[in-house]
Amino acid sequence: MTKPPLRPSLTANMGDGVRAIGFAFVWAFLIASAYFALTIGRGYAVSERSLVAVALFAAGSFLAAPIALGLAGIVAKYRPQPSARFAAMFVALTLTSAGITALLFYLQFRIYYSQWHETHLSRGLLMEILFTGASSGYIFVVGGVRPMLPVALPLILAVSFLYARRKP
């Protein structure tokens, strides 16, 4: 009987990283396509502004997918039942996709409004950062999440269902 190595091989779990990156590309494509379809479906012109919004949703989804996969994997390690795996992926994918995309929206707002903000660390600068974050969060929820909900929810449910069916 052989003992497992003290340090596992780096290539032993190489498939998981490739799977996570592939999932990130697919998830980013699905969310960006859905937001682009919503933009056209609402009758808005395809402009630089709308393409930046699509790019922000794609980037947020791309960054969120591997994190969600990792978080769901941690939960699935301790709760391998399909219902727990479904719930873990649903919650992780929803929160990470919305959270990271909201963070990217905040960073865009912060960069734009920084030209009018104070340049040194002070109470005024902290208030400006706080209110910039609050306003970008509000605009993201009203302008980004609410229209995406009818389209993104079935996608999240489908991905969570597929993740729950996959063997742990």
Protein backbone atom coordinates (compact mmCIF):
# COMPACT_ATOMS: atom_id res chain seq x y z
CA MET A 1 0.00 0.00 0.00
CA THR A 2 1.50 3.31 -1.06
CA LYS A 3 1.19 6.49 0.89
CA PRO A 4 -0.07 9.64 -0.82
CA PRO A 5 2.70 12.14 -1.45
CA LEU A 6 3.23 14.87 1.12
CA ARG A 7 3.01 17.49 -1.58
CA PRO A 8 0.45 16.61 -4.23
CA SER A 9 1.38 17.11 -7.82
CA LEU A 10 0.58 20.50 -9.30
CA THR A 11 -0.89 18.82 -12.35
CA ALA A 12 -3.21 16.56 -10.35
CA ASN A 13 -6.03 19.12 -10.33
CA MET A 14 -5.12 20.91 -13.55
CA GLY A 15 -8.52 20.02 -15.05
CA ASP A 16 -10.29 22.01 -12.35
CA GLY A 17 -8.50 25.23 -13.34
CA VAL A 18 -9.23 24.71 -17.01
CA ARG A 19 -12.85 23.95 -16.16
CA ALA A 20 -13.08 27.12 -14.05
CA ILE A 21 -11.63 29.31 -16.82
CA GLY A 22 -13.91 27.69 -19.40
CA PHE A 23 -16.89 28.24 -17.13
CA ALA A 24 -15.81 31.87 -16.67
CA PHE A 25 -15.74 32.46 -20.44
CA VAL A 26 -19.12 30.78 -20.94
CA TRP A 27 -20.75 32.65 -18.02
CA ALA A 28 -19.32 36.00 -19.19
CA PHE A 29 -20.57 35.35 -22.72
CA LEU A 30 -24.07 34.42 -21.50
CA ILE A 31 -24.43 37.46 -19.25
CA ALA A 32 -22.93 39.88 -21.80
CA SER A 33 -25.17 38.46 -24.54
CA ALA A 34 -28.22 38.77 -22.30
CA TYR A 35 -27.44 42.39 -21.41
CA PHE A 36 -26.73 43.23 -25.05
CA ALA A 37 -30.03 41.64 -26.10
CA LEU A 38 -31.82 43.65 -23.41
CA THR A 39 -30.19 46.83 -24.66
CA ILE A 40 -31.37 46.21 -28.20
CA GLY A 41 -34.75 44.89 -27.04
CA ARG A 42 -35.46 48.08 -25.09
CA GLY A 43 -34.87 50.09 -28.25
CA TYR A 44 -31.62 51.71 -27.13
CA ALA A 45 -28.99 52.49 -29.70
CA VAL A 46 -25.79 50.51 -29.61
CA SER A 47 -23.40 53.22 -28.52
CA GLU A 48 -20.06 53.40 -26.79
CA ARG A 49 -21.89 53.81 -23.49
CA SER A 50 -24.00 50.70 -23.91
CA LEU A 51 -20.97 48.68 -25.03
CA VAL A 52 -19.09 49.79 -21.91
CA ALA A 53 -22.01 48.56 -19.80
CA VAL A 54 -21.94 45.22 -21.65
CA ALA A 55 -18.17 45.02 -21.10
CA LEU A 56 -18.60 45.73 -17.38
CA PHE A 57 -21.18 42.96 -17.06
CA ALA A 58 -18.92 40.59 -19.02
CA ALA A 59 -15.86 41.43 -16.92
CA GLY A 60 -17.78 41.13 -13.66
CA SER A 61 -19.23 37.79 -14.70
CA PHE A 62 -15.84 36.54 -15.89
CA LEU A 63 -14.22 37.40 -12.57
CA ALA A 64 -17.14 36.08 -10.53
CA ALA A 65 -17.54 32.66 -12.16
CA PRO A 66 -14.35 30.99 -10.84
CA ILE A 67 -14.93 32.46 -7.39
CA ALA A 68 -18.50 31.15 -7.35
CA LEU A 69 -17.30 27.76 -8.57
CA GLY A 70 -14.74 27.66 -5.76
CA LEU A 71 -17.23 28.71 -3.09
CA ALA A 72 -19.79 26.19 -4.30
CA GLY A 73 -17.06 23.54 -4.36
CA ILE A 74 -16.19 24.25 -0.73
CA VAL A 75 -19.82 23.85 0.30
CA ALA A 76 -20.21 20.74 -1.87
CA LYS A 77 -17.20 19.17 -0.17
CA TYR A 78 -19.02 19.21 3.15
CA ARG A 79 -22.60 18.86 1.85
CA PRO A 80 -22.52 16.65 -1.26
CA GLN A 81 -26.32 16.34 -1.58
CA PRO A 82 -27.63 17.69 -4.90
CA SER A 83 -29.94 20.16 -3.16
CA ALA A 84 -27.06 21.65 -1.18
CA ARG A 85 -24.90 21.83 -4.31
CA PHE A 86 -27.73 23.57 -6.18
CA ALA A 87 -28.26 26.09 -3.38
CA ALA A 88 -24.53 26.73 -2.99
CA MET A 89 -24.05 27.46 -6.68
CA PHE A 90 -27.20 29.56 -6.88
CA VAL A 91 -26.21 31.77 -3.94
CA ALA A 92 -22.52 31.94 -4.85
CA LEU A 93 -23.09 32.74 -8.53
CA THR A 94 -25.78 35.32 -7.78
CA LEU A 95 -23.82 37.15 -5.10
CA THR A 96 -20.42 37.06 -6.77
CA SER A 97 -21.75 38.10 -10.19
CA ALA A 98 -23.74 41.00 -8.77
CA GLY A 99 -21.07 41.96 -6.24
CA ILE A 100 -18.09 42.03 -8.56
CA THR A 101 -20.03 43.77 -11.32
CA ALA A 102 -21.20 46.37 -8.78
CA LEU A 103 -17.59 46.82 -7.68
CA LEU A 104 -16.55 47.44 -11.29
CA PHE A 105 -19.35 49.99 -11.67
CA TYR A 106 -18.15 51.68 -8.47
CA LEU A 107 -14.57 51.82 -9.73
CA GLN A 108 -15.75 53.40 -12.97
CA PHE A 109 -17.72 56.01 -11.01
CA ARG A 110 -14.79 56.63 -8.66
CA ILE A 111 -12.40 57.21 -11.55
CA TYR A 112 -14.82 59.60 -13.25
CA TYR A 113 -15.72 61.61 -10.14
CA SER A 114 -12.20 61.67 -8.69
CA GLN A 115 -11.44 64.82 -10.67
CA TRP A 116 -13.82 66.73 -8.38
CA HIS A 117 -12.90 64.92 -5.16
CA GLU A 118 -10.36 66.11 -2.64
CA THR A 119 -6.84 64.89 -3.30
CA HIS A 120 -5.68 64.26 0.27
CA LEU A 121 -7.03 61.91 2.90
CA SER A 122 -9.61 63.75 4.94
CA ARG A 123 -13.11 63.39 6.30
CA GLY A 124 -14.44 65.09 3.15
CA LEU A 125 -12.72 62.56 0.91
CA LEU A 126 -14.15 59.68 2.94
CA MET A 127 -17.64 61.19 2.65
CA GLU A 128 -17.17 61.60 -1.12
CA ILE A 129 -16.05 57.98 -1.47
CA LEU A 130 -18.97 56.80 0.65
CA PHE A 131 -21.58 58.73 -1.32
CA THR A 132 -20.01 57.80 -4.66
CA GLY A 133 -20.28 54.16 -3.61
CA ALA A 134 -23.88 54.59 -2.47
CA SER A 135 -24.92 56.32 -5.68
CA SER A 136 -23.13 53.81 -7.91
CA GLY A 137 -24.77 50.97 -5.97
CA TYR A 138 -28.19 52.53 -6.42
CA ILE A 139 -27.65 53.12 -10.14
CA PHE A 140 -26.35 49.55 -10.53
CA VAL A 141 -29.37 48.03 -8.78
CA VAL A 142 -31.92 50.13 -10.65
CA GLY A 143 -30.23 50.26 -14.04
CA GLY A 144 -28.42 46.93 -14.12
CA VAL A 145 -29.87 44.30 -11.83
CA ARG A 146 -33.58 45.01 -12.20
CA PRO A 147 -33.65 44.72 -16.02
CA MET A 148 -31.30 41.69 -15.92
CA LEU A 149 -33.33 39.75 -13.37
CA PRO A 150 -35.83 38.15 -15.81
CA VAL A 151 -32.99 37.07 -18.09
CA ALA A 152 -30.23 36.22 -15.61
CA LEU A 153 -32.40 34.26 -13.18
CA PRO A 154 -33.14 31.41 -15.62
CA LEU A 155 -29.44 31.31 -16.53
CA ILE A 156 -28.42 31.07 -12.87
CA LEU A 157 -31.06 28.39 -12.24
CA ALA A 158 -29.85 26.38 -15.24
CA VAL A 159 -26.19 26.61 -14.24
CA SER A 160 -27.04 25.69 -10.65
CA PHE A 161 -29.09 22.71 -11.82
CA LEU A 162 -26.24 21.49 -14.03
CA TYR A 163 -23.78 21.94 -11.17
CA ALA A 164 -26.03 19.96 -8.81
CA ARG A 165 -26.27 17.10 -11.33
CA ARG A 166 -22.52 16.92 -11.83
CA LYS A 167 -20.75 14.27 -9.79
CA PRO A 168 -18.80 15.71 -6.84
